[in-house]
């Protein structure tokens, strides 16, 4: 997706102020930074759309909750009858 900028020192948990300044200037002033901002905006819009009612994430989460409810009912029935029901 290429939605970020690599910072030298990040893996050592110390990023120098000069590194941050350099990367912020790159993002704000370069063609590469402009392309990055365009990709980030597109990803933001896609994520917002997925979360809307009827969007892919919204539907997937609703299905997950439905599956959990069905699983819970099967488990309760299995414990009540003494039989295990494969899920």
PDB file of N, CA and C in Angstrom:
ATOM      1  N   UNK A   1       0.818  -1.194   0.000  1.00  0.00           N
ATOM      2  CA  UNK A   1       0.000   0.000   0.000  1.00  0.00           C
ATOM      3  C   UNK A   1       0.864   1.261   0.000  1.00  0.00           C
ATOM      4  N   UNK A   2       2.008   1.157   0.583  1.00  0.00           N
ATOM      5  CA  UNK A   2       2.940   2.293   0.614  1.00  0.00           C
ATOM      6  C   UNK A   2       2.281   3.554   1.169  1.00  0.00           C
ATOM      7  N   UNK A   3       1.841   3.464   2.425  1.00  0.00           N
ATOM      8  CA  UNK A   3       1.134   4.569   3.057  1.00  0.00           C
ATOM      9  C   UNK A   3       1.933   5.230   4.171  1.00  0.00           C
ATOM     10  N   UNK A   4       3.235   5.007   4.202  1.00  0.00           N
ATOM     11  CA  UNK A   4       4.043   5.597   5.264  1.00  0.00           C
ATOM     12  C   UNK A   4       5.427   5.952   4.775  1.00  0.00           C
ATOM     13  N   UNK A   5       6.192   6.498   5.678  1.00  0.00           N
ATOM     14  CA  UNK A   5       7.565   6.900   5.389  1.00  0.00           C
ATOM     15  C   UNK A   5       8.467   6.214   6.410  1.00  0.00           C
ATOM     16  N   UNK A   6       9.506   5.562   5.922  1.00  0.00           N
ATOM     17  CA  UNK A   6      10.425   4.875   6.825  1.00  0.00           C
ATOM     18  C   UNK A   6      11.321   5.879   7.545  1.00  0.00           C
ATOM     19  N   UNK A   7      11.460   5.676   8.834  1.00  0.00           N
ATOM     20  CA  UNK A   7      12.296   6.546   9.660  1.00  0.00           C
ATOM     21  C   UNK A   7      13.536   5.780  10.116  1.00  0.00           C
ATOM     22  N   UNK A   8      14.697   6.331   9.830  1.00  0.00           N
ATOM     23  CA  UNK A   8      15.933   5.729  10.341  1.00  0.00           C
ATOM     24  C   UNK A   8      15.931   5.865  11.860  1.00  0.00           C
ATOM     25  N   UNK A   9      16.259   4.778  12.539  1.00  0.00           N
ATOM     26  CA  UNK A   9      16.291   4.781  13.993  1.00  0.00           C
ATOM     27  C   UNK A   9      15.041   4.208  14.626  1.00  0.00           C
ATOM     28  N   UNK A  10      13.988   4.002  13.837  1.00  0.00           N
ATOM     29  CA  UNK A  10      12.732   3.507  14.388  1.00  0.00           C
ATOM     30  C   UNK A  10      12.898   2.138  15.039  1.00  0.00           C
ATOM     31  N   UNK A  11      13.643   1.253  14.393  1.00  0.00           N
ATOM     32  CA  UNK A  11      13.811  -0.098  14.945  1.00  0.00           C
ATOM     33  C   UNK A  11      14.626  -0.085  16.236  1.00  0.00           C
ATOM     34  N   UNK A  12      15.408   0.952  16.456  1.00  0.00           N
ATOM     35  CA  UNK A  12      16.166   1.082  17.701  1.00  0.00           C
ATOM     36  C   UNK A  12      15.406   1.935  18.722  1.00  0.00           C
ATOM     37  N   UNK A  13      14.178   2.331  18.372  1.00  0.00           N
ATOM     38  CA  UNK A  13      13.297   3.116  19.228  1.00  0.00           C
ATOM     39  C   UNK A  13      13.778   4.547  19.466  1.00  0.00           C
ATOM     40  N   UNK A  14      14.708   5.030  18.626  1.00  0.00           N
ATOM     41  CA  UNK A  14      15.170   6.411  18.757  1.00  0.00           C
ATOM     42  C   UNK A  14      15.232   7.021  17.356  1.00  0.00           C
ATOM     43  N   UNK A  15      14.338   7.960  17.100  1.00  0.00           N
ATOM     44  CA  UNK A  15      14.346   8.673  15.835  1.00  0.00           C
ATOM     45  C   UNK A  15      14.729  10.109  16.154  1.00  0.00           C
ATOM     46  N   UNK A  16      15.764  10.574  15.496  1.00  0.00           N
ATOM     47  CA  UNK A  16      16.262  11.934  15.759  1.00  0.00           C
ATOM     48  C   UNK A  16      15.337  12.979  15.144  1.00  0.00           C
ATOM     49  N   UNK A  17      15.290  14.131  15.765  1.00  0.00           N
ATOM     50  CA  UNK A  17      14.449  15.229  15.302  1.00  0.00           C
ATOM     51  C   UNK A  17      14.781  15.603  13.857  1.00  0.00           C
ATOM     52  N   UNK A  18      16.043  15.550  13.501  1.00  0.00           N
ATOM     53  CA  UNK A  18      16.460  15.895  12.139  1.00  0.00           C
ATOM     54  C   UNK A  18      15.844  14.931  11.129  1.00  0.00           C
ATOM     55  N   UNK A  19      15.742  13.652  11.508  1.00  0.00           N
ATOM     56  CA  UNK A  19      15.139  12.645  10.632  1.00  0.00           C
ATOM     57  C   UNK A  19      13.653  12.952  10.436  1.00  0.00           C
ATOM     58  N   UNK A  20      12.970  13.287  11.512  1.00  0.00           N
ATOM     59  CA  UNK A  20      11.552  13.610  11.423  1.00  0.00           C
ATOM     60  C   UNK A  20      11.352  14.843  10.544  1.00  0.00           C
ATOM     61  N   UNK A  21      12.169  15.873  10.772  1.00  0.00           N
ATOM     62  CA  UNK A  21      12.071  17.095   9.975  1.00  0.00           C
ATOM     63  C   UNK A  21      12.278  16.795   8.491  1.00  0.00           C
ATOM     64  N   UNK A  22      13.285  16.003   8.183  1.00  0.00           N
ATOM     65  CA  UNK A  22      13.587  15.648   6.785  1.00  0.00           C
ATOM     66  C   UNK A  22      12.391  14.940   6.135  1.00  0.00           C
ATOM     67  N   UNK A  23      11.799  13.994   6.853  1.00  0.00           N
ATOM     68  CA  UNK A  23      10.685  13.231   6.287  1.00  0.00           C
ATOM     69  C   UNK A  23       9.430  14.087   6.148  1.00  0.00           C
ATOM     70  N   UNK A  24       9.165  14.957   7.110  1.00  0.00           N
ATOM     71  CA  UNK A  24       7.999  15.839   7.012  1.00  0.00           C
ATOM     72  C   UNK A  24       8.163  16.775   5.820  1.00  0.00           C
ATOM     73  N   UNK A  25       9.355  17.323   5.651  1.00  0.00           N
ATOM     74  CA  UNK A  25       9.605  18.197   4.495  1.00  0.00           C
ATOM     75  C   UNK A  25       9.422  17.421   3.189  1.00  0.00           C
ATOM     76  N   UNK A  26       9.897  16.169   3.156  1.00  0.00           N
ATOM     77  CA  UNK A  26       9.753  15.353   1.958  1.00  0.00           C
ATOM     78  C   UNK A  26       8.273  15.141   1.643  1.00  0.00           C
ATOM     79  N   UNK A  27       7.482  14.784   2.667  1.00  0.00           N
ATOM     80  CA  UNK A  27       6.056  14.538   2.464  1.00  0.00           C
ATOM     81  C   UNK A  27       5.350  15.806   1.979  1.00  0.00           C
ATOM     82  N   UNK A  28       5.715  16.944   2.531  1.00  0.00           N
ATOM     83  CA  UNK A  28       5.016  18.182   2.219  1.00  0.00           C
ATOM     84  C   UNK A  28       5.470  18.838   0.917  1.00  0.00           C
ATOM     85  N   UNK A  29       6.718  18.577   0.474  1.00  0.00           N
ATOM     86  CA  UNK A  29       7.258  19.376  -0.627  1.00  0.00           C
ATOM     87  C   UNK A  29       7.644  18.593  -1.880  1.00  0.00           C
ATOM     88  N   UNK A  30       7.680  17.284  -1.831  1.00  0.00           N
ATOM     89  CA  UNK A  30       8.169  16.535  -2.996  1.00  0.00           C
ATOM     90  C   UNK A  30       7.028  15.904  -3.791  1.00  0.00           C
ATOM     91  N   UNK A  31       7.349  15.513  -5.017  1.00  0.00           N
ATOM     92  CA  UNK A  31       6.369  14.793  -5.826  1.00  0.00           C
ATOM     93  C   UNK A  31       6.030  13.451  -5.184  1.00  0.00           C
ATOM     94  N   UNK A  32       7.041  12.788  -4.629  1.00  0.00           N
ATOM     95  CA  UNK A  32       6.805  11.528  -3.933  1.00  0.00           C
ATOM     96  C   UNK A  32       5.891  11.714  -2.738  1.00  0.00           C
ATOM     97  N   UNK A  33       6.079  12.807  -2.024  1.00  0.00           N
ATOM     98  CA  UNK A  33       5.222  13.116  -0.890  1.00  0.00           C
ATOM     99  C   UNK A  33       3.793  13.386  -1.326  1.00  0.00           C
ATOM    100  N   UNK A  34       3.638  14.077  -2.463  1.00  0.00           N
ATOM    101  CA  UNK A  34       2.302  14.342  -2.997  1.00  0.00           C
ATOM    102  C   UNK A  34       1.622  13.021  -3.365  1.00  0.00           C
ATOM    103  N   UNK A  35       2.360  12.117  -3.985  1.00  0.00           N
ATOM    104  CA  UNK A  35       1.811  10.803  -4.343  1.00  0.00           C
ATOM    105  C   UNK A  35       1.406  10.042  -3.081  1.00  0.00           C
ATOM    106  N   UNK A  36       2.218  10.135  -2.039  1.00  0.00           N
ATOM    107  CA  UNK A  36       1.896   9.493  -0.767  1.00  0.00           C
ATOM    108  C   UNK A  36       0.599  10.064  -0.197  1.00  0.00           C
ATOM    109  N   UNK A  37       0.462  11.372  -0.221  1.00  0.00           N
ATOM    110  CA  UNK A  37      -0.752  11.998   0.312  1.00  0.00           C
ATOM    111  C   UNK A  37      -1.993  11.578  -0.476  1.00  0.00           C
ATOM    112  N   UNK A  38      -1.840  11.422  -1.782  1.00  0.00           N
ATOM    113  CA  UNK A  38      -2.964  10.970  -2.617  1.00  0.00           C
ATOM    114  C   UNK A  38      -3.350   9.540  -2.243  1.00  0.00           C
ATOM    115  N   UNK A  39      -2.343   8.658  -2.063  1.00  0.00           N
ATOM    116  CA  UNK A  39      -2.631   7.270  -1.676  1.00  0.00           C
ATOM    117  C   UNK A  39      -3.300   7.201  -0.309  1.00  0.00           C
ATOM    118  N   UNK A  40      -2.830   8.003   0.630  1.00  0.00           N
ATOM    119  CA  UNK A  40      -3.412   8.021   1.971  1.00  0.00           C
ATOM    120  C   UNK A  40      -4.867   8.498   1.915  1.00  0.00           C
ATOM    121  N   UNK A  41      -5.137   9.535   1.135  1.00  0.00           N
ATOM    122  CA  UNK A  41      -6.507  10.036   1.019  1.00  0.00           C
ATOM    123  C   UNK A  41      -7.424   8.970   0.408  1.00  0.00           C
ATOM    124  N   UNK A  42      -6.925   8.257  -0.597  1.00  0.00           N
ATOM    125  CA  UNK A  42      -7.723   7.198  -1.223  1.00  0.00           C
ATOM    126  C   UNK A  42      -7.989   6.065  -0.231  1.00  0.00           C
ATOM    127  N   UNK A  43      -6.978   5.696   0.555  1.00  0.00           N
ATOM    128  CA  UNK A  43      -7.152   4.636   1.556  1.00  0.00           C
ATOM    129  C   UNK A  43      -8.141   5.082   2.631  1.00  0.00           C
ATOM    130  N   UNK A  44      -8.080   6.335   3.027  1.00  0.00           N
ATOM    131  CA  UNK A  44      -9.021   6.873   4.022  1.00  0.00           C
ATOM    132  C   UNK A  44     -10.449   6.791   3.496  1.00  0.00           C
ATOM    133  N   UNK A  45     -10.656   7.198   2.253  1.00  0.00           N
ATOM    134  CA  UNK A  45     -11.991   7.154   1.661  1.00  0.00           C
ATOM    135  C   UNK A  45     -12.499   5.718   1.547  1.00  0.00           C
ATOM    136  N   UNK A  46     -11.623   4.807   1.135  1.00  0.00           N
ATOM    137  CA  UNK A  46     -12.014   3.398   1.007  1.00  0.00           C
ATOM    138  C   UNK A  46     -12.387   2.809   2.365  1.00  0.00           C
ATOM    139  N   UNK A  47     -11.627   3.152   3.398  1.00  0.00           N
ATOM    140  CA  UNK A  47     -11.923   2.652   4.741  1.00  0.00           C
ATOM    141  C   UNK A  47     -13.255   3.203   5.242  1.00  0.00           C
ATOM    142  N   UNK A  48     -13.492   4.483   5.011  1.00  0.00           N
ATOM    143  CA  UNK A  48     -14.754   5.093   5.443  1.00  0.00           C
ATOM    144  C   UNK A  48     -15.929   4.435   4.723  1.00  0.00           C
ATOM    145  N   UNK A  49     -15.777   4.160   3.434  1.00  0.00           N
ATOM    146  CA  UNK A  49     -16.836   3.504   2.660  1.00  0.00           C
ATOM    147  C   UNK A  49     -17.098   2.091   3.188  1.00  0.00           C
ATOM    148  N   UNK A  50     -16.034   1.370   3.532  1.00  0.00           N
ATOM    149  CA  UNK A  50     -16.180   0.004   4.037  1.00  0.00           C
ATOM    150  C   UNK A  50     -16.920  -0.027   5.367  1.00  0.00           C
ATOM    151  N   UNK A  51     -16.801   1.032   6.145  1.00  0.00           N
ATOM    152  CA  UNK A  51     -17.445   1.085   7.453  1.00  0.00           C
ATOM    153  C   UNK A  51     -18.892   1.568   7.407  1.00  0.00           C
ATOM    154  N   UNK A  52     -19.297   2.149   6.282  1.00  0.00           N
ATOM    155  CA  UNK A  52     -20.679   2.616   6.146  1.00  0.00           C
ATOM    156  C   UNK A  52     -21.640   1.429   6.145  1.00  0.00           C
ATOM    157  N   UNK A  53     -22.893   1.687   6.460  1.00  0.00           N
ATOM    158  CA  UNK A  53     -23.888   0.627   6.416  1.00  0.00           C
ATOM    159  C   UNK A  53     -23.923   0.044   5.001  1.00  0.00           C
ATOM    160  N   UNK A  54     -23.775  -1.272   4.921  1.00  0.00           N
ATOM    161  CA  UNK A  54     -23.725  -1.954   3.632  1.00  0.00           C
ATOM    162  C   UNK A  54     -22.324  -2.062   3.062  1.00  0.00           C
ATOM    163  N   UNK A  55     -21.342  -1.443   3.705  1.00  0.00           N
ATOM    164  CA  UNK A  55     -19.959  -1.538   3.254  1.00  0.00           C
ATOM    165  C   UNK A  55     -19.366  -2.888   3.618  1.00  0.00           C
ATOM    166  N   UNK A  56     -18.236  -3.220   3.004  1.00  0.00           N
ATOM    167  CA  UNK A  56     -17.660  -4.559   3.185  1.00  0.00           C
ATOM    168  C   UNK A  56     -17.287  -4.867   4.636  1.00  0.00           C
ATOM    169  N   UNK A  57     -16.698  -3.936   5.347  1.00  0.00           N
ATOM    170  CA  UNK A  57     -16.341  -4.189   6.747  1.00  0.00           C
ATOM    171  C   UNK A  57     -17.581  -4.272   7.621  1.00  0.00           C
ATOM    172  N   UNK A  58     -18.534  -3.418   7.346  1.00  0.00           N
ATOM    173  CA  UNK A  58     -19.788  -3.436   8.097  1.00  0.00           C
ATOM    174  C   UNK A  58     -20.498  -4.769   7.917  1.00  0.00           C
ATOM    175  N   UNK A  59     -20.582  -5.243   6.677  1.00  0.00           N
ATOM    176  CA  UNK A  59     -21.248  -6.523   6.410  1.00  0.00           C
ATOM    177  C   UNK A  59     -20.475  -7.692   7.019  1.00  0.00           C
ATOM    178  N   UNK A  60     -19.155  -7.653   6.923  1.00  0.00           N
ATOM    179  CA  UNK A  60     -18.343  -8.734   7.479  1.00  0.00           C
ATOM    180  C   UNK A  60     -18.498  -8.799   8.997  1.00  0.00           C
ATOM    181  N   UNK A  61     -18.543  -7.654   9.657  1.00  0.00           N
ATOM    182  CA  UNK A  61     -18.701  -7.639  11.106  1.00  0.00           C
ATOM    183  C   UNK A  61     -20.088  -8.134  11.507  1.00  0.00           C
ATOM    184  N   UNK A  62     -21.103  -7.728  10.760  1.00  0.00           N
ATOM    185  CA  UNK A  62     -22.461  -8.199  11.035  1.00  0.00           C
ATOM    186  C   UNK A  62     -22.528  -9.722  10.885  1.00  0.00           C
ATOM    187  N   UNK A  63     -21.867 -10.263   9.851  1.00  0.00           N
ATOM    188  CA  UNK A  63     -21.860 -11.712   9.656  1.00  0.00           C
ATOM    189  C   UNK A  63     -21.118 -12.398  10.796  1.00  0.00           C
ATOM    190  N   UNK A  64     -20.014 -11.822  11.251  1.00  0.00           N
ATOM    191  CA  UNK A  64     -19.258 -12.363  12.376  1.00  0.00           C
ATOM    192  C   UNK A  64     -20.146 -12.455  13.620  1.00  0.00           C
ATOM    193  N   UNK A  65     -20.869 -11.373  13.903  1.00  0.00           N
ATOM    194  CA  UNK A  65     -21.754 -11.379  15.071  1.00  0.00           C
ATOM    195  C   UNK A  65     -22.846 -12.432  14.929  1.00  0.00           C
ATOM    196  N   UNK A  66     -23.386 -12.568  13.729  1.00  0.00           N
ATOM    197  CA  UNK A  66     -24.409 -13.583  13.477  1.00  0.00           C
ATOM    198  C   UNK A  66     -23.830 -14.983  13.704  1.00  0.00           C
ATOM    199  N   UNK A  67     -22.611 -15.209  13.179  1.00  0.00           N
ATOM    200  CA  UNK A  67     -21.957 -16.507  13.367  1.00  0.00           C
ATOM    201  C   UNK A  67     -21.696 -16.796  14.838  1.00  0.00           C
ATOM    202  N   UNK A  68     -21.300 -15.787  15.589  1.00  0.00           N
ATOM    203  CA  UNK A  68     -21.049 -15.966  17.013  1.00  0.00           C
ATOM    204  C   UNK A  68     -22.349 -16.319  17.739  1.00  0.00           C
ATOM    205  N   UNK A  69     -23.436 -15.679  17.361  1.00  0.00           N
ATOM    206  CA  UNK A  69     -24.725 -15.964  17.983  1.00  0.00           C
ATOM    207  C   UNK A  69     -25.152 -17.398  17.676  1.00  0.00           C
ATOM    208  N   UNK A  70     -24.980 -17.841  16.435  1.00  0.00           N
ATOM    209  CA  UNK A  70     -25.312 -19.215  16.059  1.00  0.00           C
ATOM    210  C   UNK A  70     -24.443 -20.199  16.838  1.00  0.00           C
ATOM    211  N   UNK A  71     -23.148 -19.902  16.925  1.00  0.00           N
ATOM    212  CA  UNK A  71     -22.220 -20.762  17.653  1.00  0.00           C
ATOM    213  C   UNK A  71     -22.616 -20.857  19.124  1.00  0.00           C
ATOM    214  N   UNK A  72     -22.999 -19.740  19.695  1.00  0.00           N
ATOM    215  CA  UNK A  72     -23.410 -19.703  21.104  1.00  0.00           C
ATOM    216  C   UNK A  72     -24.661 -20.568  21.314  1.00  0.00           C
ATOM    217  N   UNK A  73     -25.599 -20.481  20.383  1.00  0.00           N
ATOM    218  CA  UNK A  73     -26.816 -21.283  20.494  1.00  0.00           C
ATOM    219  C   UNK A  73     -26.505 -22.768  20.357  1.00  0.00           C
ATOM    220  N   UNK A  74     -25.620 -23.121  19.420  1.00  0.00           N
ATOM    221  CA  UNK A  74     -25.237 -24.524  19.240  1.00  0.00           C
ATOM    222  C   UNK A  74     -24.552 -25.061  20.501  1.00  0.00           C
ATOM    223  N   UNK A  75     -23.689 -24.262  21.066  1.00  0.00           N
ATOM    224  CA  UNK A  75     -22.971 -24.670  22.273  1.00  0.00           C
ATOM    225  C   UNK A  75     -23.944 -24.849  23.430  1.00  0.00           C
ATOM    226  N   UNK A  76     -24.881 -23.939  23.576  1.00  0.00           N
ATOM    227  CA  UNK A  76     -25.871 -24.050  24.653  1.00  0.00           C
ATOM    228  C   UNK A  76     -26.732 -25.285  24.452  1.00  0.00           C
ATOM    229  N   UNK A  77     -27.146 -25.562  23.217  1.00  0.00           N
ATOM    230  CA  UNK A  77     -27.948 -26.751  22.929  1.00  0.00           C
ATOM    231  C   UNK A  77     -27.155 -28.020  23.223  1.00  0.00           C
ATOM    232  N   UNK A  78     -25.881 -28.036  22.866  1.00  0.00           N
ATOM    233  CA  UNK A  78     -25.037 -29.218  23.085  1.00  0.00           C
ATOM    234  C   UNK A  78     -24.893 -29.496  24.577  1.00  0.00           C
ATOM    235  N   UNK A  79     -24.705 -28.463  25.359  1.00  0.00           N
ATOM    236  CA  UNK A  79     -24.566 -28.653  26.803  1.00  0.00           C
ATOM    237  C   UNK A  79     -25.880 -29.112  27.421  1.00  0.00           C
ATOM    238  N   UNK A  80     -26.974 -28.625  26.917  1.00  0.00           N
ATOM    239  CA  UNK A  80     -28.275 -28.974  27.470  1.00  0.00           C
ATOM    240  C   UNK A  80     -28.635 -30.423  27.160  1.00  0.00           C
ATOM    241  N   UNK A  81     -28.403 -30.865  25.915  1.00  0.00           N
ATOM    242  CA  UNK A  81     -28.808 -32.216  25.515  1.00  0.00           C
ATOM    243  C   UNK A  81     -27.748 -33.248  25.835  1.00  0.00           C
ATOM    244  N   UNK A  82     -26.554 -32.798  26.166  1.00  0.00           N
ATOM    245  CA  UNK A  82     -25.472 -33.752  26.441  1.00  0.00           C
ATOM    246  C   UNK A  82     -24.754 -34.218  25.168  1.00  0.00           C
ATOM    247  N   UNK A  83     -25.179 -33.724  24.024  1.00  0.00           N
ATOM    248  CA  UNK A  83     -24.546 -34.078  22.750  1.00  0.00           C
ATOM    249  C   UNK A  83     -23.671 -32.929  22.270  1.00  0.00           C
ATOM    250  N   UNK A  84     -22.579 -33.277  21.609  1.00  0.00           N
ATOM    251  CA  UNK A  84     -21.730 -32.258  20.997  1.00  0.00           C
ATOM    252  C   UNK A  84     -22.183 -32.068  19.561  1.00  0.00           C
ATOM    253  N   UNK A  85     -22.340 -30.827  19.184  1.00  0.00           N
ATOM    254  CA  UNK A  85     -22.756 -30.501  17.817  1.00  0.00           C
ATOM    255  C   UNK A  85     -21.551 -29.904  17.099  1.00  0.00           C
ATOM    256  N   UNK A  86     -21.098 -30.540  16.004  1.00  0.00           N
ATOM    257  CA  UNK A  86     -19.957 -29.975  15.269  1.00  0.00           C
ATOM    258  C   UNK A  86     -20.316 -28.640  14.648  1.00  0.00           C
ATOM    259  N   UNK A  87     -19.367 -27.745  14.687  1.00  0.00           N
ATOM    260  CA  UNK A  87     -19.590 -26.398  14.127  1.00  0.00           C
ATOM    261  C   UNK A  87     -18.729 -26.236  12.904  1.00  0.00           C
TER     262      UNK A  87
END
